[in-house]
Amino acid sequence: MEDRLPNDPNQARKTAREASKYTLVRQQLCRRGFSFSLLRCIDKEESNYAYVVLTSEVEPWQAKLPRQSYYWPTLKHDCMEYIRKCKKCQRFAEAHKAPLERLHSVTSPWPFYKWGVDILGPFPTAPG
């Protein structure tokens, strides 16, 4: 391998910074990860194989993927595309549980200075 950087100093700095995230181990390109020591870089054909192997497992395959020590640059995009096409993923996915509206926090300078009640009115009058 030749050590060549672009002539533009900003581009050369960016390339050197990006290249520092990778290393060769036994002629295999690996990326250094935060949680995992080394992630093996795989190409498109290997990523298709990883989809088949990992989706056949019982556990959620997205969570298992980092534990398998694989990495490819378009991982998130490829996973989202696969999930959109996978009937099993669409049918048995968990329901989205987002609140109906944005939550608003009530701040106060010290405890019990301000009380906030999240109730809407008007309330009907009680008889009597």
Protein backbone atom coordinates (compact mmCIF):
# COMPACT_ATOMS: atom_id res chain seq x y z
CA MET A 1 0.00 0.00 0.00
CA GLU A 2 1.16 3.49 -0.71
CA ASP A 3 0.74 6.28 1.80
CA ARG A 4 -0.67 9.07 -0.33
CA LEU A 5 -2.82 11.97 0.83
CA PRO A 6 -4.69 14.57 -1.26
CA ASN A 7 -2.91 17.84 -2.04
CA ASP A 8 -5.60 19.92 -0.31
CA PRO A 9 -4.56 20.25 3.38
CA ASN A 10 -8.14 20.13 4.69
CA GLN A 11 -8.97 17.05 2.63
CA ALA A 12 -5.67 15.43 3.65
CA ARG A 13 -6.45 16.00 7.34
CA LYS A 14 -9.96 14.57 6.89
CA THR A 15 -8.61 11.52 5.04
CA ALA A 16 -5.93 10.89 7.68
CA ARG A 17 -8.51 11.18 10.47
CA GLU A 18 -10.86 8.75 8.72
CA ALA A 19 -8.04 6.31 7.90
CA SER A 20 -6.96 6.20 11.55
CA LYS A 21 -10.23 4.38 12.34
CA TYR A 22 -9.14 1.35 10.24
CA THR A 23 -6.40 -1.26 10.50
CA LEU A 24 -5.32 -4.45 8.72
CA VAL A 25 -5.42 -7.71 10.69
CA ARG A 26 -4.27 -10.85 8.79
CA GLN A 27 -4.92 -9.12 5.44
CA GLN A 28 -8.50 -8.30 6.54
CA LEU A 29 -9.63 -4.67 6.85
CA CYS A 30 -11.04 -3.91 10.32
CA ARG A 31 -12.54 -0.82 11.89
CA ARG A 32 -11.82 0.14 15.45
CA GLY A 33 -15.04 0.42 17.45
CA PHE A 34 -15.86 2.10 20.76
CA SER A 35 -17.64 -0.79 22.43
CA PHE A 36 -15.90 -3.57 20.53
CA SER A 37 -12.20 -3.88 19.87
CA LEU A 38 -12.31 -4.57 16.11
CA LEU A 39 -15.19 -4.80 13.64
CA ARG A 40 -14.53 -6.76 10.45
CA CYS A 41 -15.35 -4.70 7.33
CA ILE A 42 -17.48 -6.64 4.87
CA ASP A 43 -18.59 -5.93 1.31
CA LYS A 44 -22.07 -5.99 -0.22
CA GLU A 45 -22.08 -9.74 -0.93
CA GLU A 46 -21.03 -10.58 2.62
CA SER A 47 -23.60 -8.14 4.02
CA ASN A 48 -26.37 -9.99 2.13
CA TYR A 49 -25.15 -13.24 3.71
CA ALA A 50 -25.12 -11.55 7.13
CA TYR A 51 -28.79 -10.55 6.64
CA VAL A 52 -29.80 -14.14 5.91
CA VAL A 53 -27.85 -15.61 8.82
CA LEU A 54 -28.85 -13.00 11.37
CA THR A 55 -32.54 -12.82 10.45
CA SER A 56 -32.90 -16.57 10.86
CA GLU A 57 -32.09 -16.26 14.57
CA VAL A 58 -34.78 -15.95 17.25
CA GLU A 59 -33.34 -12.81 18.86
CA PRO A 60 -33.65 -9.40 17.16
CA TRP A 61 -30.91 -9.37 14.54
CA GLN A 62 -30.21 -5.66 14.74
CA ALA A 63 -29.02 -6.03 18.33
CA LYS A 64 -26.95 -9.09 17.44
CA LEU A 65 -25.15 -7.47 14.52
CA PRO A 66 -22.51 -5.60 16.55
CA ARG A 67 -21.90 -8.76 18.59
CA GLN A 68 -21.11 -10.55 15.34
CA SER A 69 -18.29 -8.00 14.78
CA TYR A 70 -19.34 -6.89 11.29
CA TYR A 71 -19.10 -3.38 9.86
CA TRP A 72 -19.94 -1.80 6.54
CA PRO A 73 -20.40 1.92 5.84
CA THR A 74 -24.04 1.75 4.74
CA LEU A 75 -25.12 -0.54 7.59
CA LYS A 76 -28.05 1.55 8.82
CA HIS A 77 -29.41 2.29 5.34
CA ASP A 78 -29.11 -1.33 4.22
CA CYS A 79 -30.83 -2.57 7.39
CA MET A 80 -33.71 -0.14 6.93
CA GLU A 81 -34.14 -1.22 3.30
CA TYR A 82 -34.11 -4.88 4.30
CA ILE A 83 -36.69 -4.30 7.04
CA ARG A 84 -38.98 -2.48 4.58
CA LYS A 85 -38.89 -5.51 2.27
CA CYS A 86 -39.09 -8.21 4.96
CA LYS A 87 -42.68 -9.37 5.52
CA LYS A 88 -41.80 -11.05 8.82
CA CYS A 89 -40.22 -7.81 10.11
CA GLN A 90 -43.31 -5.80 9.12
CA ARG A 91 -45.83 -8.28 10.51
CA PHE A 92 -44.28 -8.95 13.92
CA ALA A 93 -42.70 -5.57 14.66
CA GLU A 94 -43.48 -3.94 17.98
CA ALA A 95 -46.12 -1.22 17.92
CA HIS A 96 -44.80 2.33 18.10
CA LYS A 97 -45.48 3.79 21.55
CA ALA A 98 -44.87 7.50 21.16
CA PRO A 99 -46.86 10.04 23.17
CA LEU A 100 -49.73 11.72 21.35
CA GLU A 101 -48.18 15.14 21.76
CA ARG A 102 -44.85 16.58 22.78
CA LEU A 103 -44.14 16.51 26.49
CA HIS A 104 -43.45 19.81 28.22
CA SER A 105 -41.38 19.98 31.37
CA VAL A 106 -42.23 22.38 34.17
CA THR A 107 -39.15 24.05 35.61
CA SER A 108 -38.88 25.83 38.94
CA PRO A 109 -36.04 27.61 40.74
CA TRP A 110 -36.41 25.43 43.88
CA PRO A 111 -38.50 22.43 44.95
CA PHE A 112 -42.26 22.92 45.42
CA TYR A 113 -42.11 26.51 44.12
CA LYS A 114 -44.46 25.76 41.27
CA TRP A 115 -46.98 22.98 40.85
CA GLY A 116 -48.07 21.91 37.39
CA VAL A 117 -51.25 20.00 36.67
CA ASP A 118 -51.82 18.42 33.28
CA ILE A 119 -55.62 18.44 33.25
CA LEU A 120 -57.75 20.08 30.58
CA GLY A 121 -61.07 21.79 31.15
CA PRO A 122 -63.78 23.13 31.25
CA PHE A 123 -65.21 20.77 33.80
CA PRO A 124 -68.94 20.07 34.11
CA THR A 125 -70.53 21.41 37.27
CA ALA A 126 -71.57 18.87 39.85
CA PRO A 127 -75.21 18.82 40.99
CA GLY A 128 -75.85 20.36 44.39
